[in-house]
Amino acid sequence: MVSLDQFRGYTVAGMFFVNFAGGYEVMPAVFKHHHTYCSYADLIMPQFLFAVGLALRLVMLRNRAALGVPAAVGRALRRIGLLFLVGFVFYHLDVDLPAGGREGMSLWKPVTAATLWRETFQTLGHIAVTSLWVLPVIAGSVRVRLIFGAGSVLLHAMLSAVFWYDLLHEKRVIDGGPLGFLTWTVPALAGSFAYDFRHGRGAAGSLRPLFGWGAVLMVAGYGLSCFGVGGPVAAPPFFPPEGAVDMWTMSQRAGSASYLVFSAGVAMAVYAGFVWWCDVRGKASGVLAVLGANALAGYLLHEMVMPPFAALAHEADPWWRALLVTSAFMAATTWLVWWCNRRGWYLRL
């Protein structure tokens, strides 16, 4: 589906921008990650999980019909395991030069309890573990997926209330930490429903349910944030809270239910826009096509290209220099992805 490739490409481009430009003081707060409310930057990762869920349902249904259930599950397990391994190795690499030069330099971060809490469970780790968690139901009925998703959110809320919310802040985890998969399930399953709408109703027919259910999820996510100690009317998304925060506050660090339900709704609505633009009107962007076709390569490459460009950047740079260096970084990384695509070097896990 062109819409899925373009949506994925848009998400990769957004990741390039917020991960680099977010380091500048001059950039608006909405383009930076926060731990106490949802910003534009915080919407990027849920869109990856949404795309994963959509593609995983498509592939599982196709492979179950063509290969049978055991072979389809086996193929999915191999790819999930390989993705987790790639993420584990990538996040534990340490190629930063020490102050004294190359002498004594290590290419591998020691595997400690601290690195397992933080380094392992970043984007690729979360995608792998969440895919494994939803695999038993991803090809199931609407009812099965709804019950599974609601149960995952309820379990996360119960554990957070008992001990997890305090512990994840103590460990300073990333993106919800080792139990984050329970709520990252929400955008992944939302993607599976988006596949049903798009596949079952066609491009034009899927627009109404995609936009409609996207709006429902956004309202539900905001509603969950109003359960917190901040009062019955919480600050809206993209605005910092006015009072105290807790497990109901929208937070990417906590992987809170309110944040991921709201973000799943945004992802569904954004995807609906790409269905209208690409599948209904027949439009597409060449740049987004490059990034969407090789999203994993884009993710890995942008992490490796960032350090040399970061050497040209300073937090206090004026807006024109911030945009210039950010644009150069994005252009260089996109060119490298295009170069890989031209040679048929695709990373599809």
C-alpha atoms as a PDB file:
ATOM      1  CA  MET A   1       0.000   0.000   0.000  1.00  0.00           C
ATOM      2  CA  VAL A   2       1.422   3.338  -1.052  1.00  0.00           C
ATOM      3  CA  SER A   3      -0.242   5.017   1.918  1.00  0.00           C
ATOM      4  CA  LEU A   4       1.652   2.797   4.374  1.00  0.00           C
ATOM      5  CA  ASP A   5       5.037   3.460   2.743  1.00  0.00           C
ATOM      6  CA  GLN A   6       4.375   7.188   2.671  1.00  0.00           C
ATOM      7  CA  PHE A   7       3.154   7.193   6.287  1.00  0.00           C
ATOM      8  CA  ARG A   8       6.252   5.295   7.344  1.00  0.00           C
ATOM      9  CA  GLY A   9       8.457   7.690   5.375  1.00  0.00           C
ATOM     10  CA  TYR A  10       6.812  10.687   7.034  1.00  0.00           C
ATOM     11  CA  THR A  11       7.452   9.122  10.434  1.00  0.00           C
ATOM     12  CA  VAL A  12      11.128   8.527   9.616  1.00  0.00           C
ATOM     13  CA  ALA A  13      11.502  12.133   8.424  1.00  0.00           C
ATOM     14  CA  GLY A  14       9.823  13.366  11.602  1.00  0.00           C
ATOM     15  CA  MET A  15      12.234  11.256  13.646  1.00  0.00           C
ATOM     16  CA  PHE A  16      15.219  12.801  11.836  1.00  0.00           C
ATOM     17  CA  PHE A  17      13.932  16.287  12.605  1.00  0.00           C
ATOM     18  CA  VAL A  18      12.978  15.974  16.277  1.00  0.00           C
ATOM     19  CA  ASN A  19      15.997  13.879  17.265  1.00  0.00           C
ATOM     20  CA  PHE A  20      18.373  16.487  15.874  1.00  0.00           C
ATOM     21  CA  ALA A  21      16.529  19.802  16.105  1.00  0.00           C
ATOM     22  CA  GLY A  22      15.272  19.060  19.616  1.00  0.00           C
ATOM     23  CA  GLY A  23      18.730  19.806  20.995  1.00  0.00           C
ATOM     24  CA  TYR A  24      18.510  23.511  20.102  1.00  0.00           C
ATOM     25  CA  GLU A  25      17.271  25.977  22.690  1.00  0.00           C
ATOM     26  CA  VAL A  26      15.583  28.045  19.988  1.00  0.00           C
ATOM     27  CA  MET A  27      13.313  25.206  18.903  1.00  0.00           C
ATOM     28  CA  PRO A  28       9.731  25.370  20.248  1.00  0.00           C
ATOM     29  CA  ALA A  29       9.014  22.995  23.118  1.00  0.00           C
ATOM     30  CA  VAL A  30       6.516  21.056  20.997  1.00  0.00           C
ATOM     31  CA  PHE A  31       9.427  19.643  18.950  1.00  0.00           C
ATOM     32  CA  LYS A  32      11.219  18.310  22.045  1.00  0.00           C
ATOM     33  CA  HIS A  33      10.665  15.209  24.174  1.00  0.00           C
ATOM     34  CA  HIS A  34       9.112  15.699  27.587  1.00  0.00           C
ATOM     35  CA  HIS A  35       8.364  13.427  30.519  1.00  0.00           C
ATOM     36  CA  THR A  36       5.208  15.186  31.719  1.00  0.00           C
ATOM     37  CA  TYR A  37       3.124  15.822  28.613  1.00  0.00           C
ATOM     38  CA  CYS A  38       2.755  14.805  24.991  1.00  0.00           C
ATOM     39  CA  SER A  39       4.559  16.822  22.309  1.00  0.00           C
ATOM     40  CA  TYR A  40       4.911  16.399  18.551  1.00  0.00           C
ATOM     41  CA  ALA A  41       8.245  14.676  19.185  1.00  0.00           C
ATOM     42  CA  ASP A  42       6.482  12.162  21.432  1.00  0.00           C
ATOM     43  CA  LEU A  43       4.096  11.213  18.598  1.00  0.00           C
ATOM     44  CA  ILE A  44       6.856   9.767  16.402  1.00  0.00           C
ATOM     45  CA  MET A  45       7.497   6.441  18.123  1.00  0.00           C
ATOM     46  CA  PRO A  46       3.790   5.492  18.448  1.00  0.00           C
ATOM     47  CA  GLN A  47       3.501   5.967  14.684  1.00  0.00           C
ATOM     48  CA  PHE A  48       6.251   3.376  14.191  1.00  0.00           C
ATOM     49  CA  LEU A  49       4.312   0.910  16.383  1.00  0.00           C
ATOM     50  CA  PHE A  50       1.123   1.740  14.453  1.00  0.00           C
ATOM     51  CA  ALA A  51       2.850   0.950  11.145  1.00  0.00           C
ATOM     52  CA  VAL A  52       4.305  -2.236  12.637  1.00  0.00           C
ATOM     53  CA  GLY A  53       0.873  -3.403  13.761  1.00  0.00           C
ATOM     54  CA  LEU A  54      -0.659  -2.705  10.364  1.00  0.00           C
ATOM     55  CA  ALA A  55       2.112  -4.517   8.502  1.00  0.00           C
ATOM     56  CA  LEU A  56       2.237  -7.411  10.978  1.00  0.00           C
ATOM     57  CA  ARG A  57      -1.464  -8.181  10.544  1.00  0.00           C
ATOM     58  CA  LEU A  58      -1.116  -7.962   6.761  1.00  0.00           C
ATOM     59  CA  VAL A  59       1.876 -10.322   6.720  1.00  0.00           C
ATOM     60  CA  MET A  60       0.453 -12.799   9.239  1.00  0.00           C
ATOM     61  CA  LEU A  61      -2.852 -13.143   7.418  1.00  0.00           C
ATOM     62  CA  ARG A  62      -1.042 -13.593   4.113  1.00  0.00           C
ATOM     63  CA  ASN A  63       1.491 -16.092   5.438  1.00  0.00           C
ATOM     64  CA  ARG A  64      -1.107 -18.109   7.369  1.00  0.00           C
ATOM     65  CA  ALA A  65      -3.078 -18.537   4.164  1.00  0.00           C
ATOM     66  CA  ALA A  66      -0.033 -19.347   2.014  1.00  0.00           C
ATOM     67  CA  LEU A  67       2.185 -21.302   4.423  1.00  0.00           C
ATOM     68  CA  GLY A  68      -0.009 -22.450   7.286  1.00  0.00           C
ATOM     69  CA  VAL A  69      -0.097 -21.254  10.879  1.00  0.00           C
ATOM     70  CA  PRO A  70       3.087 -22.962  12.208  1.00  0.00           C
ATOM     71  CA  ALA A  71       5.251 -21.703   9.345  1.00  0.00           C
ATOM     72  CA  ALA A  72       3.787 -18.194   9.549  1.00  0.00           C
ATOM     73  CA  VAL A  73       4.379 -18.000  13.297  1.00  0.00           C
ATOM     74  CA  GLY A  74       7.885 -19.439  12.935  1.00  0.00           C
ATOM     75  CA  ARG A  75       8.831 -16.868  10.323  1.00  0.00           C
ATOM     76  CA  ALA A  76       7.490 -14.042  12.509  1.00  0.00           C
ATOM     77  CA  LEU A  77       9.371 -15.325  15.559  1.00  0.00           C
ATOM     78  CA  ARG A  78      12.645 -15.457  13.639  1.00  0.00           C
ATOM     79  CA  ARG A  79      12.277 -11.889  12.452  1.00  0.00           C
ATOM     80  CA  ILE A  80      11.254 -10.622  15.870  1.00  0.00           C
ATOM     81  CA  GLY A  81      14.217 -12.364  17.473  1.00  0.00           C
ATOM     82  CA  LEU A  82      16.619 -10.966  14.901  1.00  0.00           C
ATOM     83  CA  LEU A  83      15.228  -7.453  15.372  1.00  0.00           C
ATOM     84  CA  PHE A  84      15.699  -7.667  19.135  1.00  0.00           C
ATOM     85  CA  LEU A  85      19.272  -8.902  18.613  1.00  0.00           C
ATOM     86  CA  VAL A  86      20.046  -6.066  16.177  1.00  0.00           C
ATOM     87  CA  GLY A  87      18.681  -3.545  18.677  1.00  0.00           C
ATOM     88  CA  PHE A  88      20.573  -5.055  21.609  1.00  0.00           C
ATOM     89  CA  VAL A  89      23.885  -4.946  19.735  1.00  0.00           C
ATOM     90  CA  PHE A  90      23.281  -1.504  18.255  1.00  0.00           C
ATOM     91  CA  TYR A  91      22.319   0.108  21.557  1.00  0.00           C
ATOM     92  CA  HIS A  92      25.317  -1.375  23.347  1.00  0.00           C
ATOM     93  CA  LEU A  93      27.865  -0.159  20.799  1.00  0.00           C
ATOM     94  CA  ASP A  94      30.033   2.686  22.088  1.00  0.00           C
ATOM     95  CA  VAL A  95      32.040   4.460  19.413  1.00  0.00           C
ATOM     96  CA  ASP A  96      32.462   7.838  21.134  1.00  0.00           C
ATOM     97  CA  LEU A  97      36.096   8.865  21.426  1.00  0.00           C
ATOM     98  CA  PRO A  98      37.286   9.410  24.986  1.00  0.00           C
ATOM     99  CA  ALA A  99      38.820  12.753  25.902  1.00  0.00           C
ATOM    100  CA  GLY A 100      42.329  11.369  25.691  1.00  0.00           C
ATOM    101  CA  GLY A 101      42.015  10.010  22.140  1.00  0.00           C
ATOM    102  CA  ARG A 102      41.689   6.448  20.912  1.00  0.00           C
ATOM    103  CA  GLU A 103      43.869   4.845  23.586  1.00  0.00           C
ATOM    104  CA  GLY A 104      41.768   2.674  25.863  1.00  0.00           C
ATOM    105  CA  MET A 105      38.709   3.065  23.677  1.00  0.00           C
ATOM    106  CA  SER A 106      36.076   0.309  23.948  1.00  0.00           C
ATOM    107  CA  LEU A 107      33.549  -0.415  21.214  1.00  0.00           C
ATOM    108  CA  TRP A 108      31.139  -2.148  23.587  1.00  0.00           C
ATOM    109  CA  LYS A 109      29.308  -0.808  26.610  1.00  0.00           C
ATOM    110  CA  PRO A 110      29.479  -3.252  29.521  1.00  0.00           C
ATOM    111  CA  VAL A 111      26.186  -5.097  29.964  1.00  0.00           C
ATOM    112  CA  THR A 112      25.071  -4.037  33.430  1.00  0.00           C
ATOM    113  CA  ALA A 113      21.748  -3.747  35.193  1.00  0.00           C
ATOM    114  CA  ALA A 114      21.654  -0.041  34.278  1.00  0.00           C
ATOM    115  CA  THR A 115      22.227  -0.658  30.558  1.00  0.00           C
ATOM    116  CA  LEU A 116      19.650  -3.438  30.528  1.00  0.00           C
ATOM    117  CA  TRP A 117      17.059  -1.068  32.003  1.00  0.00           C
ATOM    118  CA  ARG A 118      17.838   1.819  29.642  1.00  0.00           C
ATOM    119  CA  GLU A 119      19.808   0.782  26.571  1.00  0.00           C
ATOM    120  CA  THR A 120      18.055  -2.458  25.703  1.00  0.00           C
ATOM    121  CA  PHE A 121      14.539  -1.078  25.809  1.00  0.00           C
ATOM    122  CA  GLN A 122      14.696   1.639  23.229  1.00  0.00           C
ATOM    123  CA  THR A 123      12.775   1.815  19.949  1.00  0.00           C
ATOM    124  CA  LEU A 124      13.911  -1.449  18.315  1.00  0.00           C
ATOM    125  CA  GLY A 125      13.676  -3.383  21.564  1.00  0.00           C
ATOM    126  CA  HIS A 126      10.156  -2.117  22.188  1.00  0.00           C
ATOM    127  CA  ILE A 127       9.049  -2.933  18.644  1.00  0.00           C
ATOM    128  CA  ALA A 128      10.405  -6.481  18.969  1.00  0.00           C
ATOM    129  CA  VAL A 129       8.926  -7.206  22.404  1.00  0.00           C
ATOM    130  CA  THR A 130       5.577  -5.598  21.567  1.00  0.00           C
ATOM    131  CA  SER A 131       5.380  -7.576  18.316  1.00  0.00           C
ATOM    132  CA  LEU A 132       6.036 -10.757  20.281  1.00  0.00           C
ATOM    133  CA  TRP A 133       3.362  -9.826  22.826  1.00  0.00           C
ATOM    134  CA  VAL A 134       0.641  -9.180  20.212  1.00  0.00           C
ATOM    135  CA  LEU A 135       1.650 -12.025  17.883  1.00  0.00           C
ATOM    136  CA  PRO A 136      -0.863 -14.544  19.348  1.00  0.00           C
ATOM    137  CA  VAL A 137      -3.794 -12.209  18.604  1.00  0.00           C
ATOM    138  CA  ILE A 138      -2.652 -10.109  15.652  1.00  0.00           C
ATOM    139  CA  ALA A 139      -4.536 -12.313  13.174  1.00  0.00           C
ATOM    140  CA  GLY A 140      -7.512 -12.705  15.506  1.00  0.00           C
ATOM    141  CA  SER A 141     -10.991 -11.229  15.449  1.00  0.00           C
ATOM    142  CA  VAL A 142     -11.933  -7.695  16.419  1.00  0.00           C
ATOM    143  CA  ARG A 143     -13.261  -8.906  19.774  1.00  0.00           C
ATOM    144  CA  VAL A 144     -10.104 -10.859  20.600  1.00  0.00           C
ATOM    145  CA  ARG A 145      -7.837  -7.910  19.812  1.00  0.00           C
ATOM    146  CA  LEU A 146     -10.002  -5.451  21.729  1.00  0.00           C
ATOM    147  CA  ILE A 147     -10.066  -7.636  24.837  1.00  0.00           C
ATOM    148  CA  PHE A 148      -6.322  -8.260  24.591  1.00  0.00           C
ATOM    149  CA  GLY A 149      -5.546  -4.557  24.185  1.00  0.00           C
ATOM    150  CA  ALA A 150      -7.818  -3.502  27.038  1.00  0.00           C
ATOM    151  CA  GLY A 151      -6.367  -6.232  29.256  1.00  0.00           C
ATOM    152  CA  SER A 152      -2.813  -5.099  28.496  1.00  0.00           C
ATOM    153  CA  VAL A 153      -3.642  -1.494  29.428  1.00  0.00           C
ATOM    154  CA  LEU A 154      -5.438  -2.585  32.610  1.00  0.00           C
ATOM    155  CA  LEU A 155      -2.500  -4.787  33.642  1.00  0.00           C
ATOM    156  CA  HIS A 156      -0.078  -1.895  33.071  1.00  0.00           C
ATOM    157  CA  ALA A 157      -2.269   0.417  35.162  1.00  0.00           C
ATOM    158  CA  MET A 158      -2.460  -2.089  38.023  1.00  0.00           C
ATOM    159  CA  LEU A 159       1.299  -2.675  38.046  1.00  0.00           C
ATOM    160  CA  SER A 160       1.952   1.068  37.817  1.00  0.00           C
ATOM    161  CA  ALA A 161      -0.291   1.747  40.795  1.00  0.00           C
ATOM    162  CA  VAL A 162       1.412  -0.952  42.884  1.00  0.00           C
ATOM    163  CA  PHE A 163       5.081  -0.308  42.120  1.00  0.00           C
ATOM    164  CA  TRP A 164       5.988   0.218  38.474  1.00  0.00           C
ATOM    165  CA  TYR A 165       5.417   3.976  38.100  1.00  0.00           C
ATOM    166  CA  ASP A 166       7.783   4.775  40.962  1.00  0.00           C
ATOM    167  CA  LEU A 167      10.364   2.203  39.877  1.00  0.00           C
ATOM    168  CA  LEU A 168      10.578   3.347  36.261  1.00  0.00           C
ATOM    169  CA  HIS A 169      11.398   6.876  37.418  1.00  0.00           C
ATOM    170  CA  GLU A 170      13.971   5.555  39.845  1.00  0.00           C
ATOM    171  CA  LYS A 171      15.650   3.641  37.018  1.00  0.00           C
ATOM    172  CA  ARG A 172      15.182   6.525  34.546  1.00  0.00           C
ATOM    173  CA  VAL A 173      13.969   4.165  31.854  1.00  0.00           C
ATOM    174  CA  ILE A 174      13.381   5.046  28.208  1.00  0.00           C
ATOM    175  CA  ASP A 175       9.961   4.760  26.535  1.00  0.00           C
ATOM    176  CA  GLY A 176       8.296   2.823  29.329  1.00  0.00           C
ATOM    177  CA  GLY A 177      11.140   0.449  30.143  1.00  0.00           C
ATOM    178  CA  PRO A 178      10.868  -3.359  30.251  1.00  0.00           C
ATOM    179  CA  LEU A 179       7.088  -3.301  30.869  1.00  0.00           C
ATOM    180  CA  GLY A 180       6.412  -0.664  28.243  1.00  0.00           C
ATOM    181  CA  PHE A 181       5.201  -3.278  25.762  1.00  0.00           C
ATOM    182  CA  LEU A 182       1.922  -3.490  27.678  1.00  0.00           C
ATOM    183  CA  THR A 183       0.886  -0.013  26.534  1.00  0.00           C
ATOM    184  CA  TRP A 184       2.832   0.067  23.259  1.00  0.00           C
ATOM    185  CA  THR A 185       0.319  -2.657  22.391  1.00  0.00           C
ATOM    186  CA  VAL A 186      -2.287   0.084  21.898  1.00  0.00           C
ATOM    187  CA  PRO A 187      -0.818   1.761  18.760  1.00  0.00           C
ATOM    188  CA  ALA A 188       0.232  -1.663  17.416  1.00  0.00           C
ATOM    189  CA  LEU A 189      -3.315  -3.031  17.638  1.00  0.00           C
ATOM    190  CA  ALA A 190      -4.697   0.276  16.352  1.00  0.00           C
ATOM    191  CA  GLY A 191      -2.591  -0.333  13.259  1.00  0.00           C
ATOM    192  CA  SER A 192      -4.109  -3.793  12.884  1.00  0.00           C
ATOM    193  CA  PHE A 193      -7.598  -2.263  12.908  1.00  0.00           C
ATOM    194  CA  ALA A 194      -6.467   0.322  10.360  1.00  0.00           C
ATOM    195  CA  TYR A 195      -5.477  -2.571   8.092  1.00  0.00           C
ATOM    196  CA  ASP A 196      -8.972  -4.029   8.463  1.00  0.00           C
ATOM    197  CA  PHE A 197     -10.574  -0.717   7.499  1.00  0.00           C
ATOM    198  CA  ARG A 198      -8.267  -0.177   4.536  1.00  0.00           C
ATOM    199  CA  HIS A 199      -8.387  -3.762   3.263  1.00  0.00           C
ATOM    200  CA  GLY A 200     -12.063  -4.422   3.906  1.00  0.00           C
ATOM    201  CA  ARG A 201     -13.604  -1.125   2.783  1.00  0.00           C
ATOM    202  CA  GLY A 202     -11.198   0.098   0.153  1.00  0.00           C
ATOM    203  CA  ALA A 203      -9.374   3.421   0.128  1.00  0.00           C
ATOM    204  CA  ALA A 204     -12.343   5.803   0.013  1.00  0.00           C
ATOM    205  CA  GLY A 205     -14.509   3.665   2.275  1.00  0.00           C
ATOM    206  CA  SER A 206     -11.851   3.481   4.978  1.00  0.00           C
ATOM    207  CA  LEU A 207     -11.558   7.238   5.468  1.00  0.00           C
ATOM    208  CA  ARG A 208     -14.596   7.661   7.696  1.00  0.00           C
ATOM    209  CA  PRO A 209     -13.742   4.883  10.192  1.00  0.00           C
ATOM    210  CA  LEU A 210     -10.059   5.850  10.230  1.00  0.00           C
ATOM    211  CA  PHE A 211     -10.766   9.496  10.992  1.00  0.00           C
ATOM    212  CA  GLY A 212     -13.675   8.648  13.295  1.00  0.00           C
ATOM    213  CA  TRP A 213     -11.937   6.048  15.439  1.00  0.00           C
ATOM    214  CA  GLY A 214      -8.798   8.174  15.444  1.00  0.00           C
ATOM    215  CA  ALA A 215     -10.844  10.977  17.022  1.00  0.00           C
ATOM    216  CA  VAL A 216     -12.402   8.551  19.537  1.00  0.00           C
ATOM    217  CA  LEU A 217      -8.968   7.359  20.656  1.00  0.00           C
ATOM    218  CA  MET A 218      -7.665  10.911  21.001  1.00  0.00           C
ATOM    219  CA  VAL A 219     -10.614  11.889  23.194  1.00  0.00           C
ATOM    220  CA  ALA A 220     -10.260   8.663  25.227  1.00  0.00           C
ATOM    221  CA  GLY A 221      -6.557   9.297  25.783  1.00  0.00           C
ATOM    222  CA  TYR A 222      -7.219  12.802  27.007  1.00  0.00           C
ATOM    223  CA  GLY A 223     -10.014  11.463  29.199  1.00  0.00           C
ATOM    224  CA  LEU A 224      -7.610   9.039  30.869  1.00  0.00           C
ATOM    225  CA  SER A 225      -5.229  11.910  31.621  1.00  0.00           C
ATOM    226  CA  CYS A 226      -8.050  13.594  33.560  1.00  0.00           C
ATOM    227  CA  PHE A 227      -8.020  10.753  36.131  1.00  0.00           C
ATOM    228  CA  GLY A 228      -4.779  12.093  37.597  1.00  0.00           C
ATOM    229  CA  VAL A 229      -4.002  14.250  40.580  1.00  0.00           C
ATOM    230  CA  GLY A 230      -3.909  17.335  38.366  1.00  0.00           C
ATOM    231  CA  GLY A 231      -7.676  17.651  38.560  1.00  0.00           C
ATOM    232  CA  PRO A 232     -10.763  16.627  36.565  1.00  0.00           C
ATOM    233  CA  VAL A 233      -9.720  18.848  33.640  1.00  0.00           C
ATOM    234  CA  ALA A 234      -6.128  18.103  32.684  1.00  0.00           C
ATOM    235  CA  ALA A 235      -4.014  20.320  30.463  1.00  0.00           C
ATOM    236  CA  PRO A 236      -4.642  19.443  26.800  1.00  0.00           C
ATOM    237  CA  PRO A 237      -2.002  17.575  24.811  1.00  0.00           C
ATOM    238  CA  PHE A 238       0.996  19.649  23.685  1.00  0.00           C
ATOM    239  CA  PHE A 239       0.711  21.853  26.790  1.00  0.00           C
ATOM    240  CA  PRO A 240       2.613  21.273  30.065  1.00  0.00           C
ATOM    241  CA  PRO A 241       0.532  20.313  33.101  1.00  0.00           C
ATOM    242  CA  GLU A 242      -0.348  23.034  35.541  1.00  0.00           C
ATOM    243  CA  GLY A 243      -0.143  20.848  38.647  1.00  0.00           C
ATOM    244  CA  ALA A 244       1.239  17.556  39.910  1.00  0.00           C
ATOM    245  CA  VAL A 245       1.761  14.561  37.628  1.00  0.00           C
ATOM    246  CA  ASP A 246       1.203  10.843  38.194  1.00  0.00           C
ATOM    247  CA  MET A 247       0.681   7.556  36.322  1.00  0.00           C
ATOM    248  CA  TRP A 248      -2.254   9.026  34.357  1.00  0.00           C
ATOM    249  CA  THR A 249      -0.246  11.938  32.972  1.00  0.00           C
ATOM    250  CA  MET A 250       0.742  11.679  29.311  1.00  0.00           C
ATOM    251  CA  SER A 251       4.400  10.633  29.392  1.00  0.00           C
ATOM    252  CA  GLN A 252       6.603   8.840  26.905  1.00  0.00           C
ATOM    253  CA  ARG A 253       9.102   7.955  29.638  1.00  0.00           C
ATOM    254  CA  ALA A 254       6.349   6.234  31.647  1.00  0.00           C
ATOM    255  CA  GLY A 255       4.665   4.786  28.566  1.00  0.00           C
ATOM    256  CA  SER A 256       1.427   5.890  30.217  1.00  0.00           C
ATOM    257  CA  ALA A 257      -1.913   4.606  28.955  1.00  0.00           C
ATOM    258  CA  SER A 258      -3.260   8.121  28.354  1.00  0.00           C
ATOM    259  CA  TYR A 259      -0.269   9.020  26.193  1.00  0.00           C
ATOM    260  CA  LEU A 260      -0.401   5.899  24.043  1.00  0.00           C
ATOM    261  CA  VAL A 261      -4.180   5.840  23.583  1.00  0.00           C
ATOM    262  CA  PHE A 262      -4.068   9.487  22.491  1.00  0.00           C
ATOM    263  CA  SER A 263      -1.034   8.899  20.246  1.00  0.00           C
ATOM    264  CA  ALA A 264      -2.671   5.856  18.646  1.00  0.00           C
ATOM    265  CA  GLY A 265      -5.589   8.082  17.701  1.00  0.00           C
ATOM    266  CA  VAL A 266      -3.276  10.684  16.196  1.00  0.00           C
ATOM    267  CA  ALA A 267      -1.462   7.961  14.222  1.00  0.00           C
ATOM    268  CA  MET A 268      -4.753   6.614  12.854  1.00  0.00           C
ATOM    269  CA  ALA A 269      -5.907  10.089  11.800  1.00  0.00           C
ATOM    270  CA  VAL A 270      -2.546  10.891  10.176  1.00  0.00           C
ATOM    271  CA  TYR A 271      -2.612   7.567   8.347  1.00  0.00           C
ATOM    272  CA  ALA A 272      -6.124   8.405   7.129  1.00  0.00           C
ATOM    273  CA  GLY A 273      -4.696  11.564   5.605  1.00  0.00           C
ATOM    274  CA  PHE A 274      -2.142   9.498   3.696  1.00  0.00           C
ATOM    275  CA  VAL A 275      -4.852   7.074   2.517  1.00  0.00           C
ATOM    276  CA  TRP A 276      -6.772  10.043   1.108  1.00  0.00           C
ATOM    277  CA  TRP A 277      -3.668  11.645  -0.425  1.00  0.00           C
ATOM    278  CA  CYS A 278      -2.018   8.509  -1.817  1.00  0.00           C
ATOM    279  CA  ASP A 279      -4.619   5.793  -2.304  1.00  0.00           C
ATOM    280  CA  VAL A 280      -7.605   7.975  -3.207  1.00  0.00           C
ATOM    281  CA  ARG A 281      -5.954  10.868  -5.053  1.00  0.00           C
ATOM    282  CA  GLY A 282      -2.953   8.913  -6.362  1.00  0.00           C
ATOM    283  CA  LYS A 283      -0.313  11.318  -5.028  1.00  0.00           C
ATOM    284  CA  ALA A 284       3.038  10.444  -3.442  1.00  0.00           C
ATOM    285  CA  SER A 285       6.297  12.065  -2.365  1.00  0.00           C
ATOM    286  CA  GLY A 286       9.542  10.712  -3.771  1.00  0.00           C
ATOM    287  CA  VAL A 287      11.473  11.572  -0.602  1.00  0.00           C
ATOM    288  CA  LEU A 288       8.941   9.822   1.631  1.00  0.00           C
ATOM    289  CA  ALA A 289       8.988   6.828  -0.701  1.00  0.00           C
ATOM    290  CA  VAL A 290      12.767   6.535  -0.235  1.00  0.00           C
ATOM    291  CA  LEU A 291      12.517   6.665   3.560  1.00  0.00           C
ATOM    292  CA  GLY A 292       9.403   4.524   3.826  1.00  0.00           C
ATOM    293  CA  ALA A 293      10.869   1.689   1.779  1.00  0.00           C
ATOM    294  CA  ASN A 294      13.872   1.296   4.093  1.00  0.00           C
ATOM    295  CA  ALA A 295      12.770   2.634   7.458  1.00  0.00           C
ATOM    296  CA  LEU A 296      15.026   0.441   9.594  1.00  0.00           C
ATOM    297  CA  ALA A 297      18.076   1.486   7.583  1.00  0.00           C
ATOM    298  CA  GLY A 298      17.025   5.100   8.076  1.00  0.00           C
ATOM    299  CA  TYR A 299      16.785   4.593  11.822  1.00  0.00           C
ATOM    300  CA  LEU A 300      20.228   3.002  12.119  1.00  0.00           C
ATOM    301  CA  LEU A 301      21.889   5.436   9.712  1.00  0.00           C
ATOM    302  CA  HIS A 302      20.529   8.562  11.371  1.00  0.00           C
ATOM    303  CA  GLU A 303      22.042   7.466  14.683  1.00  0.00           C
ATOM    304  CA  MET A 304      25.455   7.082  13.003  1.00  0.00           C
ATOM    305  CA  VAL A 305      25.264  10.276  10.915  1.00  0.00           C
ATOM    306  CA  MET A 306      24.161  12.441  13.842  1.00  0.00           C
ATOM    307  CA  PRO A 307      27.510  12.733  15.752  1.00  0.00           C
ATOM    308  CA  PRO A 308      29.527  14.518  13.018  1.00  0.00           C
ATOM    309  CA  PHE A 309      26.696  16.975  12.385  1.00  0.00           C
ATOM    310  CA  ALA A 310      26.179  17.454  16.126  1.00  0.00           C
ATOM    311  CA  ALA A 311      29.790  18.683  16.250  1.00  0.00           C
ATOM    312  CA  LEU A 312      28.650  21.615  14.096  1.00  0.00           C
ATOM    313  CA  ALA A 313      25.726  22.424  16.363  1.00  0.00           C
ATOM    314  CA  HIS A 314      25.512  24.321  19.634  1.00  0.00           C
ATOM    315  CA  GLU A 315      22.481  24.545  21.880  1.00  0.00           C
ATOM    316  CA  ALA A 316      22.476  28.350  21.769  1.00  0.00           C
ATOM    317  CA  ASP A 317      22.703  28.655  17.952  1.00  0.00           C
ATOM    318  CA  PRO A 318      20.278  31.121  16.313  1.00  0.00           C
ATOM    319  CA  TRP A 319      17.241  29.751  14.485  1.00  0.00           C
ATOM    320  CA  TRP A 320      18.714  30.138  10.991  1.00  0.00           C
ATOM    321  CA  ARG A 321      21.819  28.121  11.854  1.00  0.00           C
ATOM    322  CA  ALA A 322      19.746  25.511  13.685  1.00  0.00           C
ATOM    323  CA  LEU A 323      17.549  25.013  10.617  1.00  0.00           C
ATOM    324  CA  LEU A 324      20.565  24.995   8.275  1.00  0.00           C
ATOM    325  CA  VAL A 325      22.469  22.301  10.180  1.00  0.00           C
ATOM    326  CA  THR A 326      19.291  20.273  10.777  1.00  0.00           C
ATOM    327  CA  SER A 327      18.444  20.408   7.069  1.00  0.00           C
ATOM    328  CA  ALA A 328      21.969  19.324   6.143  1.00  0.00           C
ATOM    329  CA  PHE A 329      21.756  16.406   8.567  1.00  0.00           C
ATOM    330  CA  MET A 330      18.380  15.300   7.200  1.00  0.00           C
ATOM    331  CA  ALA A 331      19.537  15.630   3.583  1.00  0.00           C
ATOM    332  CA  ALA A 332      22.726  13.630   4.200  1.00  0.00           C
ATOM    333  CA  THR A 333      20.876  10.827   5.985  1.00  0.00           C
ATOM    334  CA  THR A 334      18.154  10.690   3.331  1.00  0.00           C
ATOM    335  CA  TRP A 335      20.810  10.493   0.617  1.00  0.00           C
ATOM    336  CA  LEU A 336      22.447   7.545   2.374  1.00  0.00           C
ATOM    337  CA  VAL A 337      19.096   5.728   2.558  1.00  0.00           C
ATOM    338  CA  TRP A 338      18.540   6.443  -1.160  1.00  0.00           C
ATOM    339  CA  TRP A 339      22.047   5.120  -1.890  1.00  0.00           C
ATOM    340  CA  CYS A 340      21.216   1.879  -0.054  1.00  0.00           C
ATOM    341  CA  ASN A 341      17.892   1.582  -1.888  1.00  0.00           C
ATOM    342  CA  ARG A 342      19.578   2.007  -5.267  1.00  0.00           C
ATOM    343  CA  ARG A 343      21.795  -0.974  -4.487  1.00  0.00           C
ATOM    344  CA  GLY A 344      18.970  -3.108  -3.175  1.00  0.00           C
ATOM    345  CA  TRP A 345      20.208  -2.997   0.436  1.00  0.00           C
ATOM    346  CA  TYR A 346      16.934  -3.195   2.335  1.00  0.00           C
ATOM    347  CA  LEU A 347      16.597  -4.053   6.029  1.00  0.00           C
ATOM    348  CA  ARG A 348      13.181  -5.630   6.478  1.00  0.00           C
ATOM    349  CA  LEU A 349      12.624  -7.143   9.884  1.00  0.00           C
END
